[in-house]
N, C-alpha and C. Protein backbone atom coordinates (compact mmCIF):
# COMPACT_ATOMS: atom_id res chain seq x y z
N MET A 1 17.00 70.78 -11.31
CA MET A 1 15.92 71.68 -11.00
C MET A 1 14.98 71.84 -12.20
N HIS A 2 15.51 72.04 -13.40
CA HIS A 2 14.66 72.20 -14.57
C HIS A 2 13.87 70.93 -14.84
N HIS A 3 14.50 69.80 -14.61
CA HIS A 3 13.82 68.52 -14.82
C HIS A 3 12.61 68.41 -13.90
N GLN A 4 12.77 68.78 -12.65
CA GLN A 4 11.67 68.73 -11.68
C GLN A 4 10.55 69.68 -12.08
N MET A 5 10.89 70.87 -12.53
CA MET A 5 9.87 71.83 -12.96
C MET A 5 9.11 71.30 -14.17
N THR A 6 9.80 70.63 -15.07
CA THR A 6 9.15 70.05 -16.24
C THR A 6 8.18 68.95 -15.80
N LEU A 7 8.60 68.11 -14.88
CA LEU A 7 7.73 67.04 -14.39
C LEU A 7 6.49 67.62 -13.71
N GLU A 8 6.66 68.68 -12.94
CA GLU A 8 5.53 69.32 -12.28
C GLU A 8 4.57 69.93 -13.31
N ALA A 9 5.12 70.55 -14.34
CA ALA A 9 4.28 71.14 -15.38
C ALA A 9 3.50 70.06 -16.12
N LEU A 10 4.14 68.96 -16.43
CA LEU A 10 3.45 67.86 -17.11
C LEU A 10 2.36 67.27 -16.23
N ALA A 11 2.59 67.19 -14.94
CA ALA A 11 1.57 66.70 -14.02
C ALA A 11 0.38 67.65 -13.99
N ASP A 12 0.64 68.96 -14.06
CA ASP A 12 -0.45 69.93 -14.12
C ASP A 12 -1.29 69.73 -15.38
N VAL A 13 -0.65 69.51 -16.49
CA VAL A 13 -1.37 69.27 -17.75
C VAL A 13 -2.18 67.99 -17.65
N ASP A 14 -1.58 66.95 -17.13
CA ASP A 14 -2.29 65.67 -16.98
C ASP A 14 -3.53 65.82 -16.09
N ALA A 15 -3.45 66.70 -15.09
CA ALA A 15 -4.55 66.90 -14.16
C ALA A 15 -5.51 68.00 -14.65
N ASP A 16 -5.30 68.46 -15.87
CA ASP A 16 -6.13 69.51 -16.48
C ASP A 16 -6.09 70.81 -15.68
N ARG A 17 -4.95 71.09 -15.07
CA ARG A 17 -4.74 72.37 -14.37
C ARG A 17 -4.00 73.31 -15.32
N VAL A 18 -4.73 73.78 -16.31
CA VAL A 18 -4.16 74.67 -17.32
C VAL A 18 -5.04 75.90 -17.44
N ILE A 19 -4.49 76.94 -18.03
CA ILE A 19 -5.23 78.19 -18.24
C ILE A 19 -5.41 78.38 -19.73
N ASP A 20 -6.63 78.68 -20.13
CA ASP A 20 -6.96 78.89 -21.53
C ASP A 20 -6.13 80.02 -22.12
N GLN A 21 -5.63 79.82 -23.32
CA GLN A 21 -4.78 80.81 -23.98
C GLN A 21 -5.52 82.12 -24.19
N ALA A 22 -6.80 82.06 -24.50
CA ALA A 22 -7.58 83.28 -24.71
C ALA A 22 -7.68 84.09 -23.42
N ALA A 23 -7.77 83.41 -22.28
CA ALA A 23 -7.83 84.10 -20.99
C ALA A 23 -6.50 84.78 -20.69
N ILE A 24 -5.41 84.12 -21.01
CA ILE A 24 -4.08 84.72 -20.82
C ILE A 24 -3.93 85.95 -21.70
N ARG A 25 -4.37 85.83 -22.96
CA ARG A 25 -4.26 86.94 -23.91
C ARG A 25 -5.09 88.14 -23.44
N ALA A 26 -6.32 87.89 -23.00
CA ALA A 26 -7.18 88.98 -22.51
C ALA A 26 -6.55 89.66 -21.31
N TRP A 27 -5.99 88.86 -20.40
CA TRP A 27 -5.33 89.42 -19.21
C TRP A 27 -4.12 90.26 -19.62
N ALA A 28 -3.28 89.70 -20.49
CA ALA A 28 -2.07 90.42 -20.92
C ALA A 28 -2.44 91.72 -21.64
N ASP A 29 -3.44 91.66 -22.50
CA ASP A 29 -3.86 92.86 -23.21
C ASP A 29 -4.41 93.92 -22.25
N SER A 30 -5.00 93.49 -21.16
CA SER A 30 -5.59 94.44 -20.22
C SER A 30 -4.56 95.16 -19.36
N LEU A 31 -3.34 94.65 -19.32
CA LEU A 31 -2.33 95.23 -18.43
C LEU A 31 -1.97 96.66 -18.78
N SER A 32 -2.15 97.02 -20.03
CA SER A 32 -1.81 98.39 -20.45
C SER A 32 -3.03 99.31 -20.44
N THR A 33 -4.10 98.88 -19.81
CA THR A 33 -5.32 99.70 -19.74
C THR A 33 -5.47 100.30 -18.34
N ASP A 34 -6.47 101.14 -18.20
CA ASP A 34 -6.77 101.73 -16.88
C ASP A 34 -7.45 100.75 -15.95
N SER A 35 -7.95 99.62 -16.50
CA SER A 35 -8.67 98.62 -15.69
C SER A 35 -8.14 97.23 -15.99
N PRO A 36 -6.92 96.92 -15.53
CA PRO A 36 -6.38 95.59 -15.82
C PRO A 36 -7.20 94.49 -15.15
N LEU A 37 -7.32 93.38 -15.85
CA LEU A 37 -8.03 92.23 -15.31
C LEU A 37 -7.18 91.52 -14.28
N PRO A 38 -7.79 90.79 -13.35
CA PRO A 38 -6.99 89.97 -12.43
C PRO A 38 -6.40 88.80 -13.22
N PRO A 39 -5.29 88.27 -12.77
CA PRO A 39 -4.68 87.14 -13.47
C PRO A 39 -5.66 85.96 -13.54
N PRO A 40 -5.69 85.28 -14.66
CA PRO A 40 -6.58 84.12 -14.76
C PRO A 40 -6.09 82.99 -13.85
N GLU A 41 -7.01 82.15 -13.45
CA GLU A 41 -6.67 81.02 -12.58
C GLU A 41 -6.96 79.72 -13.29
N ALA A 42 -6.22 78.71 -12.92
CA ALA A 42 -6.43 77.38 -13.51
C ALA A 42 -7.59 76.69 -12.85
């Protein structure tokens, strides 16, 4: 199962289906506010 998940993740990277780290950080930081951001999308 872990092997399959790793292969799927690598395929996502190869297809440029990734989320920018800054977008993840902004989203995570917003979770403790009164106006959390929606989760970023790839």
